[in-house]
C-alpha atoms as a PDB file:
ATOM      1  CA  UNK A   1      -0.054  -0.030  -0.060  1.00  0.00           C
ATOM      2  CA  UNK A   2       3.126   2.222   0.543  1.00  0.00           C
ATOM      3  CA  UNK A   3       1.018   4.950   2.438  1.00  0.00           C
ATOM      4  CA  UNK A   4       2.688   7.337   4.698  1.00  0.00           C
ATOM      5  CA  UNK A   5       2.891   6.280   8.499  1.00  0.00           C
ATOM      6  CA  UNK A   6       0.938   8.261  11.140  1.00  0.00           C
ATOM      7  CA  UNK A   7       2.767   6.768  14.224  1.00  0.00           C
ATOM      8  CA  UNK A   8       0.770   5.928  17.414  1.00  0.00           C
ATOM      9  CA  UNK A   9       2.170   7.244  20.591  1.00  0.00           C
ATOM     10  CA  UNK A  10       5.930   7.030  21.052  1.00  0.00           C
ATOM     11  CA  UNK A  11       7.771   5.554  23.890  1.00  0.00           C
ATOM     12  CA  UNK A  12      10.314   7.710  26.036  1.00  0.00           C
ATOM     13  CA  UNK A  13      13.788   6.635  25.967  1.00  0.00           C
ATOM     14  CA  UNK A  14      15.616   5.963  29.119  1.00  0.00           C
ATOM     15  CA  UNK A  15      18.528   8.492  29.461  1.00  0.00           C
ATOM     16  CA  UNK A  16      19.806   7.458  32.822  1.00  0.00           C
ATOM     17  CA  UNK A  17      23.388   6.599  33.785  1.00  0.00           C
ATOM     18  CA  UNK A  18      22.679   2.872  33.685  1.00  0.00           C
ATOM     19  CA  UNK A  19      20.361   2.668  30.729  1.00  0.00           C
ATOM     20  CA  UNK A  20      21.315   0.720  27.739  1.00  0.00           C
ATOM     21  CA  UNK A  21      22.615   2.661  24.718  1.00  0.00           C
ATOM     22  CA  UNK A  22      20.153   4.948  23.055  1.00  0.00           C
ATOM     23  CA  UNK A  23      20.445   3.282  19.620  1.00  0.00           C
ATOM     24  CA  UNK A  24      19.413  -0.184  21.309  1.00  0.00           C
ATOM     25  CA  UNK A  25      16.387   1.421  22.954  1.00  0.00           C
ATOM     26  CA  UNK A  26      15.475   3.203  19.714  1.00  0.00           C
ATOM     27  CA  UNK A  27      15.894  -0.128  17.804  1.00  0.00           C
ATOM     28  CA  UNK A  28      13.406  -1.941  20.096  1.00  0.00           C
ATOM     29  CA  UNK A  29      10.877   1.251  19.819  1.00  0.00           C
ATOM     30  CA  UNK A  30      11.036   1.266  16.151  1.00  0.00           C
ATOM     31  CA  UNK A  31      10.729  -2.426  15.824  1.00  0.00           C
ATOM     32  CA  UNK A  32       7.433  -2.036  17.907  1.00  0.00           C
ATOM     33  CA  UNK A  33       6.416   0.663  15.739  1.00  0.00           C
ATOM     34  CA  UNK A  34       6.991  -1.254  12.567  1.00  0.00           C
ATOM     35  CA  UNK A  35       5.041  -4.380  13.772  1.00  0.00           C
ATOM     36  CA  UNK A  36       2.176  -2.017  15.029  1.00  0.00           C
ATOM     37  CA  UNK A  37       1.481  -0.343  11.693  1.00  0.00           C
ATOM     38  CA  UNK A  38       2.110  -3.338   9.559  1.00  0.00           C
ATOM     39  CA  UNK A  39       3.647  -4.065   6.086  1.00  0.00           C
ATOM     40  CA  UNK A  40       3.994  -1.724   3.177  1.00  0.00           C
ATOM     41  CA  UNK A  41       3.710   1.596   4.981  1.00  0.00           C
ATOM     42  CA  UNK A  42       6.206   4.394   4.550  1.00  0.00           C
ATOM     43  CA  UNK A  43       8.394   4.764   7.642  1.00  0.00           C
ATOM     44  CA  UNK A  44       9.322   8.186   9.033  1.00  0.00           C
ATOM     45  CA  UNK A  45      12.304   9.850   7.723  1.00  0.00           C
ATOM     46  CA  UNK A  46      15.595  10.007   9.641  1.00  0.00           C
ATOM     47  CA  UNK A  47      14.919  13.765  10.213  1.00  0.00           C
ATOM     48  CA  UNK A  48      11.442  12.869  11.588  1.00  0.00           C
ATOM     49  CA  UNK A  49      12.940  10.362  14.065  1.00  0.00           C
ATOM     50  CA  UNK A  50      15.552  12.551  15.164  1.00  0.00           C
ATOM     51  CA  UNK A  51      13.194  15.276  16.140  1.00  0.00           C
ATOM     52  CA  UNK A  52      10.622  12.997  17.666  1.00  0.00           C
ATOM     53  CA  UNK A  53      12.855  11.202  19.938  1.00  0.00           C
ATOM     54  CA  UNK A  54      15.449  13.861  20.535  1.00  0.00           C
ATOM     55  CA  UNK A  55      18.481  11.902  19.514  1.00  0.00           C
ATOM     56  CA  UNK A  56      21.364  12.320  17.196  1.00  0.00           C
ATOM     57  CA  UNK A  57      21.006  11.358  13.531  1.00  0.00           C
ATOM     58  CA  UNK A  58      23.809   8.850  13.857  1.00  0.00           C
ATOM     59  CA  UNK A  59      21.600   7.155  16.565  1.00  0.00           C
ATOM     60  CA  UNK A  60      18.658   6.933  14.325  1.00  0.00           C
ATOM     61  CA  UNK A  61      20.924   5.646  11.405  1.00  0.00           C
ATOM     62  CA  UNK A  62      22.199   2.947  13.670  1.00  0.00           C
ATOM     63  CA  UNK A  63      18.816   1.853  14.727  1.00  0.00           C
ATOM     64  CA  UNK A  64      17.339   1.891  11.204  1.00  0.00           C
ATOM     65  CA  UNK A  65      20.220  -0.057   9.924  1.00  0.00           C
ATOM     66  CA  UNK A  66      19.674  -2.765  12.575  1.00  0.00           C
ATOM     67  CA  UNK A  67      15.972  -3.087  11.494  1.00  0.00           C
ATOM     68  CA  UNK A  68      16.946  -3.251   7.775  1.00  0.00           C
ATOM     69  CA  UNK A  69      19.394  -5.866   8.493  1.00  0.00           C
ATOM     70  CA  UNK A  70      16.839  -7.842  10.505  1.00  0.00           C
ATOM     71  CA  UNK A  71      14.348  -7.548   7.747  1.00  0.00           C
ATOM     72  CA  UNK A  72      11.806  -5.302   9.550  1.00  0.00           C
ATOM     73  CA  UNK A  73      12.333  -2.510   7.184  1.00  0.00           C
ATOM     74  CA  UNK A  74      13.433  -2.201   3.458  1.00  0.00           C
ATOM     75  CA  UNK A  75      14.873   0.636   1.719  1.00  0.00           C
ATOM     76  CA  UNK A  76      13.782   1.638  -1.888  1.00  0.00           C
ATOM     77  CA  UNK A  77      16.079   3.825  -3.808  1.00  0.00           C
ATOM     78  CA  UNK A  78      14.700   7.366  -4.333  1.00  0.00           C
ATOM     79  CA  UNK A  79      11.328   6.509  -2.342  1.00  0.00           C
ATOM     80  CA  UNK A  80      12.295   6.096   1.195  1.00  0.00           C
ATOM     81  CA  UNK A  81      12.193   3.285   3.930  1.00  0.00           C
ATOM     82  CA  UNK A  82       9.120   1.010   4.223  1.00  0.00           C
ATOM     83  CA  UNK A  83       7.959  -1.696   6.775  1.00  0.00           C
ATOM     84  CA  UNK A  84       8.738  -4.982   5.097  1.00  0.00           C
ATOM     85  CA  UNK A  85       6.343  -7.626   4.015  1.00  0.00           C
ATOM     86  CA  UNK A  86       6.274 -10.952   6.006  1.00  0.00           C
ATOM     87  CA  UNK A  87       9.049 -13.254   4.748  1.00  0.00           C
ATOM     88  CA  UNK A  88       8.177 -16.207   2.682  1.00  0.00           C
ATOM     89  CA  UNK A  89       9.170 -19.662   4.218  1.00  0.00           C
ATOM     90  CA  UNK A  90      10.812 -22.027   1.923  1.00  0.00           C
ATOM     91  CA  UNK A  91      11.567 -25.688   3.189  1.00  0.00           C
ATOM     92  CA  UNK A  92      14.910 -26.878   2.289  1.00  0.00           C
ATOM     93  CA  UNK A  93      13.655 -30.613   1.875  1.00  0.00           C
ATOM     94  CA  UNK A  94      11.199 -29.912  -0.756  1.00  0.00           C
ATOM     95  CA  UNK A  95      12.046 -29.995  -4.462  1.00  0.00           C
ATOM     96  CA  UNK A  96       9.223 -27.591  -5.437  1.00  0.00           C
ATOM     97  CA  UNK A  97       8.986 -25.145  -8.326  1.00  0.00           C
ATOM     98  CA  UNK A  98       8.730 -21.402  -7.580  1.00  0.00           C
ATOM     99  CA  UNK A  99       5.159 -21.652  -8.703  1.00  0.00           C
ATOM    100  CA  UNK A 100       4.360 -24.440  -6.349  1.00  0.00           C
ATOM    101  CA  UNK A 101       5.973 -22.579  -3.585  1.00  0.00           C
ATOM    102  CA  UNK A 102       4.055 -19.383  -3.934  1.00  0.00           C
ATOM    103  CA  UNK A 103       0.665 -20.974  -4.498  1.00  0.00           C
ATOM    104  CA  UNK A 104       1.193 -22.835  -1.034  1.00  0.00           C
ATOM    105  CA  UNK A 105       1.656 -19.340   0.355  1.00  0.00           C
ATOM    106  CA  UNK A 106      -1.577 -17.993  -1.329  1.00  0.00           C
ATOM    107  CA  UNK A 107       0.467 -15.925  -3.577  1.00  0.00           C
ATOM    108  CA  UNK A 108      -0.048 -15.672  -7.451  1.00  0.00           C
ATOM    109  CA  UNK A 109       3.253 -16.614  -9.197  1.00  0.00           C
ATOM    110  CA  UNK A 110       4.452 -15.189 -12.538  1.00  0.00           C
ATOM    111  CA  UNK A 111       7.737 -14.913 -14.316  1.00  0.00           C
ATOM    112  CA  UNK A 112       9.394 -12.620 -16.904  1.00  0.00           C
ATOM    113  CA  UNK A 113      11.730 -14.266 -19.273  1.00  0.00           C
ATOM    114  CA  UNK A 114      14.963 -12.067 -19.365  1.00  0.00           C
ATOM    115  CA  UNK A 115      17.080 -14.140 -21.513  1.00  0.00           C
ATOM    116  CA  UNK A 116      16.972 -17.422 -23.593  1.00  0.00           C
ATOM    117  CA  UNK A 117      20.078 -18.672 -25.268  1.00  0.00           C
ATOM    118  CA  UNK A 118      21.837 -21.534 -26.575  1.00  0.00           C
ATOM    119  CA  UNK A 119      25.499 -21.987 -25.089  1.00  0.00           C
ATOM    120  CA  UNK A 120      28.410 -24.224 -25.612  1.00  0.00           C
ATOM    121  CA  UNK A 121      29.318 -25.702 -22.328  1.00  0.00           C
ATOM    122  CA  UNK A 122      32.677 -24.522 -20.790  1.00  0.00           C
ATOM    123  CA  UNK A 123      34.592 -26.593 -18.333  1.00  0.00           C
ATOM    124  CA  UNK A 124      32.404 -26.047 -15.245  1.00  0.00           C
ATOM    125  CA  UNK A 125      29.081 -26.363 -17.014  1.00  0.00           C
ATOM    126  CA  UNK A 126      30.204 -29.404 -18.895  1.00  0.00           C
ATOM    127  CA  UNK A 127      31.166 -31.148 -15.542  1.00  0.00           C
ATOM    128  CA  UNK A 128      28.008 -30.024 -13.699  1.00  0.00           C
ATOM    129  CA  UNK A 129      25.850 -31.434 -16.546  1.00  0.00           C
ATOM    130  CA  UNK A 130      27.956 -34.393 -17.387  1.00  0.00           C
ATOM    131  CA  UNK A 131      28.511 -33.421 -21.062  1.00  0.00           C
ATOM    132  CA  UNK A 132      31.464 -32.911 -23.311  1.00  0.00           C
ATOM    133  CA  UNK A 133      33.200 -29.394 -23.419  1.00  0.00           C
ATOM    134  CA  UNK A 134      31.263 -27.468 -26.167  1.00  0.00           C
ATOM    135  CA  UNK A 135      28.286 -29.407 -25.646  1.00  0.00           C
ATOM    136  CA  UNK A 136      24.738 -27.930 -26.205  1.00  0.00           C
ATOM    137  CA  UNK A 137      23.308 -26.106 -23.117  1.00  0.00           C
ATOM    138  CA  UNK A 138      20.218 -24.019 -22.886  1.00  0.00           C
ATOM    139  CA  UNK A 139      20.155 -20.845 -20.562  1.00  0.00           C
ATOM    140  CA  UNK A 140      16.908 -19.436 -19.217  1.00  0.00           C
ATOM    141  CA  UNK A 141      17.129 -16.346 -17.149  1.00  0.00           C
ATOM    142  CA  UNK A 142      13.780 -15.475 -15.514  1.00  0.00           C
ATOM    143  CA  UNK A 143      12.518 -12.843 -12.988  1.00  0.00           C
ATOM    144  CA  UNK A 144      10.392 -14.513 -10.679  1.00  0.00           C
ATOM    145  CA  UNK A 145       7.443 -12.600  -9.225  1.00  0.00           C
ATOM    146  CA  UNK A 146       4.797 -13.139  -6.500  1.00  0.00           C
ATOM    147  CA  UNK A 147       1.523 -11.208  -6.759  1.00  0.00           C
ATOM    148  CA  UNK A 148       3.522  -8.940  -9.267  1.00  0.00           C
ATOM    149  CA  UNK A 149       6.469  -8.278  -6.804  1.00  0.00           C
ATOM    150  CA  UNK A 150       9.943  -9.181  -7.724  1.00  0.00           C
ATOM    151  CA  UNK A 151      11.257 -12.163  -5.514  1.00  0.00           C
ATOM    152  CA  UNK A 152      14.035 -13.880  -7.275  1.00  0.00           C
ATOM    153  CA  UNK A 153      16.195 -14.227 -10.474  1.00  0.00           C
ATOM    154  CA  UNK A 154      16.715 -17.729 -11.815  1.00  0.00           C
ATOM    155  CA  UNK A 155      19.597 -18.476 -14.216  1.00  0.00           C
ATOM    156  CA  UNK A 156      18.870 -22.014 -15.265  1.00  0.00           C
ATOM    157  CA  UNK A 157      21.206 -24.244 -17.564  1.00  0.00           C
ATOM    158  CA  UNK A 158      19.730 -27.222 -18.976  1.00  0.00           C
ATOM    159  CA  UNK A 159      21.219 -30.059 -20.971  1.00  0.00           C
ATOM    160  CA  UNK A 160      20.595 -29.335 -24.726  1.00  0.00           C
ATOM    161  CA  UNK A 161      20.273 -32.903 -25.838  1.00  0.00           C
ATOM    162  CA  UNK A 162      17.299 -33.469 -23.374  1.00  0.00           C
ATOM    163  CA  UNK A 163      15.702 -29.930 -23.202  1.00  0.00           C
ATOM    164  CA  UNK A 164      16.594 -27.820 -26.201  1.00  0.00           C
ATOM    165  CA  UNK A 165      13.735 -28.844 -28.431  1.00  0.00           C
ATOM    166  CA  UNK A 166      11.320 -29.102 -25.541  1.00  0.00           C
ATOM    167  CA  UNK A 167      12.136 -25.555 -24.441  1.00  0.00           C
ATOM    168  CA  UNK A 168      11.660 -24.030 -28.060  1.00  0.00           C
ATOM    169  CA  UNK A 169       8.296 -25.711 -28.406  1.00  0.00           C
ATOM    170  CA  UNK A 170       6.990 -24.188 -25.213  1.00  0.00           C
ATOM    171  CA  UNK A 171       9.024 -20.871 -25.192  1.00  0.00           C
ATOM    172  CA  UNK A 172       5.864 -18.773 -25.594  1.00  0.00           C
ATOM    173  CA  UNK A 173       4.326 -20.346 -22.500  1.00  0.00           C
ATOM    174  CA  UNK A 174       7.572 -19.887 -20.577  1.00  0.00           C
ATOM    175  CA  UNK A 175       7.858 -16.315 -21.718  1.00  0.00           C
ATOM    176  CA  UNK A 176       4.263 -15.860 -20.347  1.00  0.00           C
ATOM    177  CA  UNK A 177       5.264 -17.253 -16.912  1.00  0.00           C
ATOM    178  CA  UNK A 178       4.639 -20.892 -17.232  1.00  0.00           C
ATOM    179  CA  UNK A 179       6.343 -23.321 -14.787  1.00  0.00           C
ATOM    180  CA  UNK A 180       9.524 -24.742 -16.155  1.00  0.00           C
ATOM    181  CA  UNK A 181       9.196 -27.885 -14.075  1.00  0.00           C
ATOM    182  CA  UNK A 182       5.613 -28.288 -15.409  1.00  0.00           C
ATOM    183  CA  UNK A 183       7.054 -28.118 -18.877  1.00  0.00           C
ATOM    184  CA  UNK A 184       9.800 -30.620 -18.216  1.00  0.00           C
ATOM    185  CA  UNK A 185       7.702 -33.262 -16.526  1.00  0.00           C
ATOM    186  CA  UNK A 186       4.229 -32.822 -18.043  1.00  0.00           C
ATOM    187  CA  UNK A 187       5.023 -31.801 -21.660  1.00  0.00           C
ATOM    188  CA  UNK A 188       8.497 -33.433 -21.898  1.00  0.00           C
ATOM    189  CA  UNK A 189       7.886 -36.647 -20.034  1.00  0.00           C
ATOM    190  CA  UNK A 190      11.186 -36.176 -18.058  1.00  0.00           C
ATOM    191  CA  UNK A 191      11.174 -37.881 -14.563  1.00  0.00           C
ATOM    192  CA  UNK A 192      12.859 -35.711 -11.934  1.00  0.00           C
ATOM    193  CA  UNK A 193      14.290 -37.628  -9.198  1.00  0.00           C
ATOM    194  CA  UNK A 194      15.165 -34.726  -6.873  1.00  0.00           C
ATOM    195  CA  UNK A 195      17.593 -31.858  -6.276  1.00  0.00           C
ATOM    196  CA  UNK A 196      20.639 -31.028  -4.326  1.00  0.00           C
ATOM    197  CA  UNK A 197      20.858 -27.307  -3.143  1.00  0.00           C
ATOM    198  CA  UNK A 198      23.559 -25.236  -1.413  1.00  0.00           C
ATOM    199  CA  UNK A 199      22.793 -21.742   0.057  1.00  0.00           C
ATOM    200  CA  UNK A 200      25.109 -18.687   0.592  1.00  0.00           C
ATOM    201  CA  UNK A 201      24.430 -15.451   1.847  1.00  0.00           C
ATOM    202  CA  UNK A 202      25.984 -12.792  -0.542  1.00  0.00           C
ATOM    203  CA  UNK A 203      25.183  -9.265  -2.041  1.00  0.00           C
ATOM    204  CA  UNK A 204      23.320  -8.347  -5.127  1.00  0.00           C
ATOM    205  CA  UNK A 205      25.378  -7.274  -8.206  1.00  0.00           C
ATOM    206  CA  UNK A 206      24.337  -4.300 -10.139  1.00  0.00           C
ATOM    207  CA  UNK A 207      22.469  -6.499 -12.686  1.00  0.00           C
ATOM    208  CA  UNK A 208      20.483  -8.523  -9.961  1.00  0.00           C
ATOM    209  CA  UNK A 209      19.669  -5.628  -8.106  1.00  0.00           C
ATOM    210  CA  UNK A 210      18.222  -3.735 -11.094  1.00  0.00           C
ATOM    211  CA  UNK A 211      15.957  -6.801 -11.807  1.00  0.00           C
ATOM    212  CA  UNK A 212      14.743  -7.124  -8.201  1.00  0.00           C
ATOM    213  CA  UNK A 213      14.228  -3.378  -7.821  1.00  0.00           C
ATOM    214  CA  UNK A 214      16.944  -3.452  -4.950  1.00  0.00           C
ATOM    215  CA  UNK A 215      20.166  -1.617  -4.356  1.00  0.00           C
ATOM    216  CA  UNK A 216      23.426  -2.894  -5.492  1.00  0.00           C
ATOM    217  CA  UNK A 217      24.981  -4.766  -2.427  1.00  0.00           C
ATOM    218  CA  UNK A 218      21.713  -5.589  -0.792  1.00  0.00           C
ATOM    219  CA  UNK A 219      21.749  -8.976   0.971  1.00  0.00           C
ATOM    220  CA  UNK A 220      20.505 -11.866  -1.120  1.00  0.00           C
ATOM    221  CA  UNK A 221      20.211 -15.599  -0.792  1.00  0.00           C
ATOM    222  CA  UNK A 222      22.073 -17.302  -3.503  1.00  0.00           C
ATOM    223  CA  UNK A 223      20.915 -20.897  -4.004  1.00  0.00           C
ATOM    224  CA  UNK A 224      22.586 -23.414  -6.402  1.00  0.00           C
ATOM    225  CA  UNK A 225      20.221 -26.139  -7.332  1.00  0.00           C
ATOM    226  CA  UNK A 226      21.434 -29.453  -9.209  1.00  0.00           C
ATOM    227  CA  UNK A 227      18.670 -31.548 -10.489  1.00  0.00           C
ATOM    228  CA  UNK A 228      18.937 -35.173 -11.848  1.00  0.00           C
ATOM    229  CA  UNK A 229      16.527 -37.557 -13.634  1.00  0.00           C
ATOM    230  CA  UNK A 230      15.514 -40.714 -12.123  1.00  0.00           C
ATOM    231  CA  UNK A 231      18.236 -42.522 -14.099  1.00  0.00           C
ATOM    232  CA  UNK A 232      20.764 -40.369 -12.462  1.00  0.00           C
ATOM    233  CA  UNK A 233      21.423 -38.073 -15.545  1.00  0.00           C
ATOM    234  CA  UNK A 234      22.217 -34.473 -14.453  1.00  0.00           C
ATOM    235  CA  UNK A 235      19.462 -32.322 -16.227  1.00  0.00           C
ATOM    236  CA  UNK A 236      19.657 -28.857 -14.460  1.00  0.00           C
ATOM    237  CA  UNK A 237      22.108 -26.375 -12.847  1.00  0.00           C
ATOM    238  CA  UNK A 238      20.204 -23.244 -11.597  1.00  0.00           C
ATOM    239  CA  UNK A 239      21.872 -20.373  -9.758  1.00  0.00           C
ATOM    240  CA  UNK A 240      19.132 -18.419  -8.027  1.00  0.00           C
ATOM    241  CA  UNK A 241      19.239 -15.100  -6.172  1.00  0.00           C
ATOM    242  CA  UNK A 242      16.473 -14.545  -3.786  1.00  0.00           C
ATOM    243  CA  UNK A 243      15.719 -11.232  -1.960  1.00  0.00           C
ATOM    244  CA  UNK A 244      16.874 -11.647   1.720  1.00  0.00           C
ATOM    245  CA  UNK A 245      14.255  -9.224   3.019  1.00  0.00           C
ATOM    246  CA  UNK A 246      11.406 -11.444   1.700  1.00  0.00           C
ATOM    247  CA  UNK A 247      12.772 -15.017   1.945  1.00  0.00           C
ATOM    248  CA  UNK A 248      13.992 -17.350   4.603  1.00  0.00           C
ATOM    249  CA  UNK A 249      14.929 -21.048   4.464  1.00  0.00           C
ATOM    250  CA  UNK A 250      13.612 -23.525   6.905  1.00  0.00           C
ATOM    251  CA  UNK A 251      14.848 -26.961   7.675  1.00  0.00           C
ATOM    252  CA  UNK A 252      12.790 -29.427   9.714  1.00  0.00           C
ATOM    253  CA  UNK A 253      14.779 -32.320  11.432  1.00  0.00           C
ATOM    254  CA  UNK A 254      13.877 -35.192  13.697  1.00  0.00           C
ATOM    255  CA  UNK A 255      15.939 -36.847  16.329  1.00  0.00           C
ATOM    256  CA  UNK A 256      16.407 -40.442  16.123  1.00  0.00           C
ATOM    257  CA  UNK A 257      15.577 -42.214  19.271  1.00  0.00           C
ATOM    258  CA  UNK A 258      18.735 -43.371  21.140  1.00  0.00           C
ATOM    259  CA  UNK A 259      20.937 -41.311  18.856  1.00  0.00           C
END
């Protein structure tokens, strides 16, 4: 909704000799304020907060930066600071498509095709997909959206011998936001066995930030997915950049009795 905030009553900071540092107190105050007004609301400017709490601008900057790092607030270049939307939980165990994940959360998935190319595999790609150097690879780069909001950038490399013709036949549907896994399985008859994923915290490059509507250097979750067919053949290598302010990964484990 991105409306301006009309804050409720503000707390009073403790300035006694034994009180916690002001920036910590202010962080708690502003976290409560953000949780009270809800997502999408424009947060007061640094100048407004400085005047309301009678603290230095450095103190305000520290508190706001803490809440940006924790995901309670998000900055939009040229627009200001806003209360963040709730983060989307993504279970690590499931080999779901982006579309499946979003629908399970009650969101409408869509995608924009950024690039579609045929490449000759270099050493790394050839090794990952178990093909010869110079072998045919299909690259699909897509901007993934939920309810129209950018969530992630997927750069997907597929074995050309298994997928090139299939992707070409269905490129219009993929360009319109169709599910890649649905295309591979239901239209191509490929049986996916499962995936292995690795996750790293990193920073958005200028290109990724531009696609996500973020700032260069903003935190992102970088997920590398390797998917095989049921016969063990490597099929897909995907490098996926997810907005860290909207996504968090969950891992459910069980303890074996006696272990």
